[in-house]
Amino acid sequence: MHHNRHFLLLIFIFFTSLTQGQTMVSGNVSGEWDFRNSPYHLTGDVLVPTGDTLIVSSGVVIRALGGYELRVAGLLNMSDARLTQGDGIFVESGTAILSNSRIDSTTNGIKAFGGHLQ
C-alpha cells in the first residue's frame, strides 16, 4: 500500500511536469514571454497592438504551428530567442528589435510593411 502511494505520486509529478512550460497563445499580446513558460505555441494569428510592447526573453522558443503569424503594430523586442514554423514575423506599422535571434522553417521569415526592423 505504501509503495502504491509513492508510485501514484511519481506518476502525478511526471505528468504535471509534461504540461508545465508550454503556453498557448493567440490574439492580441503584450508583456514578457520568458523561458519558464517556453515554448510558446501560436494557436492563431498573434498581434502586438499599436502602443503595446512584447518582450521575448533569452531562450524562448515560439512555435507557430498551423501557418500562423506574428504581426507587429507596436514594439517587439526579441533577444536570443527562436521563432520556428508558421508564416513568420510581419512588421506592419511598429518596430521589431531582433538581437541574436533565429527565425527558421517559416514561409516568409521577416517582412516589414511600413514598420521598422532593428
C-alpha atoms as a PDB file:
ATOM      1  CA  MET A   1       0.000   0.000   0.000  1.00  0.00           C
ATOM      2  CA  HIS A   2       2.822   2.379   0.905  1.00  0.00           C
ATOM      3  CA  HIS A   3       4.572   1.626  -2.401  1.00  0.00           C
ATOM      4  CA  ASN A   4       1.380   2.319  -4.349  1.00  0.00           C
ATOM      5  CA  ARG A   5       1.166   5.846  -2.908  1.00  0.00           C
ATOM      6  CA  HIS A   6       4.752   6.576  -3.910  1.00  0.00           C
ATOM      7  CA  PHE A   7       4.138   5.198  -7.372  1.00  0.00           C
ATOM      8  CA  LEU A   8       0.999   7.315  -7.824  1.00  0.00           C
ATOM      9  CA  LEU A   9       2.848  10.391  -6.583  1.00  0.00           C
ATOM     10  CA  LEU A  10       5.648   9.812  -9.102  1.00  0.00           C
ATOM     11  CA  ILE A  11       3.141   9.410 -11.934  1.00  0.00           C
ATOM     12  CA  PHE A  12       1.389  12.640 -10.899  1.00  0.00           C
ATOM     13  CA  ILE A  13       4.687  14.568 -10.780  1.00  0.00           C
ATOM     14  CA  PHE A  14       5.740  13.177 -14.167  1.00  0.00           C
ATOM     15  CA  PHE A  15       2.525  14.168 -15.950  1.00  0.00           C
ATOM     16  CA  THR A  16       2.413  17.563 -14.234  1.00  0.00           C
ATOM     17  CA  SER A  17       5.947  18.307 -15.429  1.00  0.00           C
ATOM     18  CA  LEU A  18       4.956  17.487 -19.008  1.00  0.00           C
ATOM     19  CA  THR A  19       2.348  20.245 -19.054  1.00  0.00           C
ATOM     20  CA  GLN A  20       4.466  22.911 -17.359  1.00  0.00           C
ATOM     21  CA  GLY A  21       6.415  25.318 -19.504  1.00  0.00           C
ATOM     22  CA  GLN A  22       4.092  25.318 -22.503  1.00  0.00           C
ATOM     23  CA  THR A  23       1.985  28.348 -23.304  1.00  0.00           C
ATOM     24  CA  MET A  24      -0.750  28.518 -25.940  1.00  0.00           C
ATOM     25  CA  VAL A  25      -1.126  31.995 -27.458  1.00  0.00           C
ATOM     26  CA  SER A  26      -3.401  33.753 -29.973  1.00  0.00           C
ATOM     27  CA  GLY A  27      -4.917  37.205 -30.468  1.00  0.00           C
ATOM     28  CA  ASN A  28      -3.503  40.442 -29.031  1.00  0.00           C
ATOM     29  CA  VAL A  29      -0.391  40.054 -26.862  1.00  0.00           C
ATOM     30  CA  SER A  30       1.908  42.258 -24.794  1.00  0.00           C
ATOM     31  CA  GLY A  31       4.138  41.935 -21.748  1.00  0.00           C
ATOM     32  CA  GLU A  32       7.017  39.481 -21.456  1.00  0.00           C
ATOM     33  CA  TRP A  33       7.429  35.927 -22.694  1.00  0.00           C
ATOM     34  CA  ASP A  34      10.046  34.200 -20.569  1.00  0.00           C
ATOM     35  CA  PHE A  35      11.955  30.935 -20.660  1.00  0.00           C
ATOM     36  CA  ARG A  36       9.935  29.378 -17.805  1.00  0.00           C
ATOM     37  CA  ASN A  37       6.782  29.324 -19.954  1.00  0.00           C
ATOM     38  CA  SER A  38       8.526  28.354 -23.190  1.00  0.00           C
ATOM     39  CA  PRO A  39       7.781  27.042 -25.724  1.00  0.00           C
ATOM     40  CA  TYR A  40       5.007  29.406 -26.792  1.00  0.00           C
ATOM     41  CA  HIS A  41       2.655  27.737 -29.279  1.00  0.00           C
ATOM     42  CA  LEU A  42       0.751  30.096 -31.559  1.00  0.00           C
ATOM     43  CA  THR A  43      -2.741  28.619 -31.857  1.00  0.00           C
ATOM     44  CA  GLY A  44      -3.922  31.503 -34.046  1.00  0.00           C
ATOM     45  CA  ASP A  45      -2.508  34.694 -35.528  1.00  0.00           C
ATOM     46  CA  VAL A  46      -0.879  36.930 -32.906  1.00  0.00           C
ATOM     47  CA  LEU A  47      -0.731  40.755 -32.895  1.00  0.00           C
ATOM     48  CA  VAL A  48       1.357  43.147 -30.815  1.00  0.00           C
ATOM     49  CA  PRO A  49      -1.065  46.118 -30.997  1.00  0.00           C
ATOM     50  CA  THR A  50      -0.133  49.763 -31.523  1.00  0.00           C
ATOM     51  CA  GLY A  51       1.106  51.239 -28.245  1.00  0.00           C
ATOM     52  CA  ASP A  52       1.912  47.824 -26.720  1.00  0.00           C
ATOM     53  CA  THR A  53       5.254  46.047 -26.242  1.00  0.00           C
ATOM     54  CA  LEU A  54       6.108  42.344 -26.323  1.00  0.00           C
ATOM     55  CA  ILE A  55       9.485  41.351 -24.877  1.00  0.00           C
ATOM     56  CA  VAL A  56      10.647  37.858 -25.846  1.00  0.00           C
ATOM     57  CA  SER A  57      13.397  36.873 -23.403  1.00  0.00           C
ATOM     58  CA  SER A  58      16.522  34.797 -23.875  1.00  0.00           C
ATOM     59  CA  GLY A  59      15.971  31.096 -24.537  1.00  0.00           C
ATOM     60  CA  VAL A  60      12.318  31.384 -25.551  1.00  0.00           C
ATOM     61  CA  VAL A  61      11.085  29.205 -28.417  1.00  0.00           C
ATOM     62  CA  ILE A  62       7.984  30.266 -30.361  1.00  0.00           C
ATOM     63  CA  ARG A  63       6.319  27.591 -32.490  1.00  0.00           C
ATOM     64  CA  ALA A  64       3.766  28.861 -34.981  1.00  0.00           C
ATOM     65  CA  LEU A  65       2.094  25.588 -35.852  1.00  0.00           C
ATOM     66  CA  GLY A  66      -0.649  25.694 -38.455  1.00  0.00           C
ATOM     67  CA  GLY A  67       0.729  28.545 -40.558  1.00  0.00           C
ATOM     68  CA  TYR A  68       0.049  31.299 -38.029  1.00  0.00           C
ATOM     69  CA  GLU A  69       1.947  34.584 -37.973  1.00  0.00           C
ATOM     70  CA  LEU A  70       3.249  37.144 -35.516  1.00  0.00           C
ATOM     71  CA  ARG A  71       2.195  40.684 -36.552  1.00  0.00           C
ATOM     72  CA  VAL A  72       3.780  43.777 -35.041  1.00  0.00           C
ATOM     73  CA  ALA A  73       1.993  47.141 -34.911  1.00  0.00           C
ATOM     74  CA  GLY A  74       3.574  48.085 -31.556  1.00  0.00           C
ATOM     75  CA  LEU A  75       7.061  47.097 -30.368  1.00  0.00           C
ATOM     76  CA  LEU A  76       8.580  43.601 -30.451  1.00  0.00           C
ATOM     77  CA  ASN A  77      11.880  43.207 -28.605  1.00  0.00           C
ATOM     78  CA  MET A  78      13.258  39.691 -29.164  1.00  0.00           C
ATOM     79  CA  SER A  79      16.680  38.742 -27.798  1.00  0.00           C
ATOM     80  CA  ASP A  80      18.400  35.339 -28.027  1.00  0.00           C
ATOM     81  CA  ALA A  81      15.125  33.622 -28.913  1.00  0.00           C
ATOM     82  CA  ARG A  82      13.807  31.450 -31.748  1.00  0.00           C
ATOM     83  CA  LEU A  83      10.692  31.508 -33.937  1.00  0.00           C
ATOM     84  CA  THR A  84      10.078  28.347 -35.900  1.00  0.00           C
ATOM     85  CA  GLN A  85       7.399  27.261 -38.376  1.00  0.00           C
ATOM     86  CA  GLY A  86       4.352  29.281 -39.404  1.00  0.00           C
ATOM     87  CA  ASP A  87       4.218  32.320 -41.690  1.00  0.00           C
ATOM     88  CA  GLY A  88       6.858  34.386 -39.871  1.00  0.00           C
ATOM     89  CA  ILE A  89       7.008  37.936 -38.487  1.00  0.00           C
ATOM     90  CA  PHE A  90       5.207  40.822 -40.212  1.00  0.00           C
ATOM     91  CA  VAL A  91       6.099  44.331 -39.035  1.00  0.00           C
ATOM     92  CA  GLU A  92       3.139  46.482 -40.079  1.00  0.00           C
ATOM     93  CA  SER A  93       3.491  49.906 -38.505  1.00  0.00           C
ATOM     94  CA  GLY A  94       5.563  49.153 -35.426  1.00  0.00           C
ATOM     95  CA  THR A  95       9.160  48.231 -34.679  1.00  0.00           C
ATOM     96  CA  ALA A  96      10.834  44.840 -34.287  1.00  0.00           C
ATOM     97  CA  ILE A  97      14.179  44.769 -32.490  1.00  0.00           C
ATOM     98  CA  LEU A  98      15.775  41.360 -33.035  1.00  0.00           C
ATOM     99  CA  SER A  99      19.068  40.555 -31.336  1.00  0.00           C
ATOM    100  CA  ASN A 100      20.828  37.188 -31.758  1.00  0.00           C
ATOM    101  CA  SER A 101      17.521  35.515 -32.583  1.00  0.00           C
ATOM    102  CA  ARG A 102      16.720  32.777 -35.089  1.00  0.00           C
ATOM    103  CA  ILE A 103      13.774  32.624 -37.446  1.00  0.00           C
ATOM    104  CA  ASP A 104      13.699  29.298 -39.284  1.00  0.00           C
ATOM    105  CA  SER A 105      11.346  26.962 -41.138  1.00  0.00           C
ATOM    106  CA  THR A 106       8.851  29.792 -41.741  1.00  0.00           C
ATOM    107  CA  THR A 107       7.087  30.604 -45.003  1.00  0.00           C
ATOM    108  CA  ASN A 108       8.041  34.303 -45.105  1.00  0.00           C
ATOM    109  CA  GLY A 109      10.763  34.879 -42.498  1.00  0.00           C
ATOM    110  CA  ILE A 110      10.567  38.564 -41.551  1.00  0.00           C
ATOM    111  CA  LYS A 111       8.773  41.203 -43.632  1.00  0.00           C
ATOM    112  CA  ALA A 112       8.329  44.908 -42.910  1.00  0.00           C
ATOM    113  CA  PHE A 113       5.355  46.756 -44.417  1.00  0.00           C
ATOM    114  CA  GLY A 114       5.686  50.332 -43.191  1.00  0.00           C
ATOM    115  CA  GLY A 115       7.308  49.228 -39.940  1.00  0.00           C
ATOM    116  CA  HIS A 116      10.937  49.196 -38.839  1.00  0.00           C
ATOM    117  CA  LEU A 117      13.429  46.387 -38.257  1.00  0.00           C
ATOM    118  CA  GLN A 118      16.413  46.886 -35.984  1.00  0.00           C
END
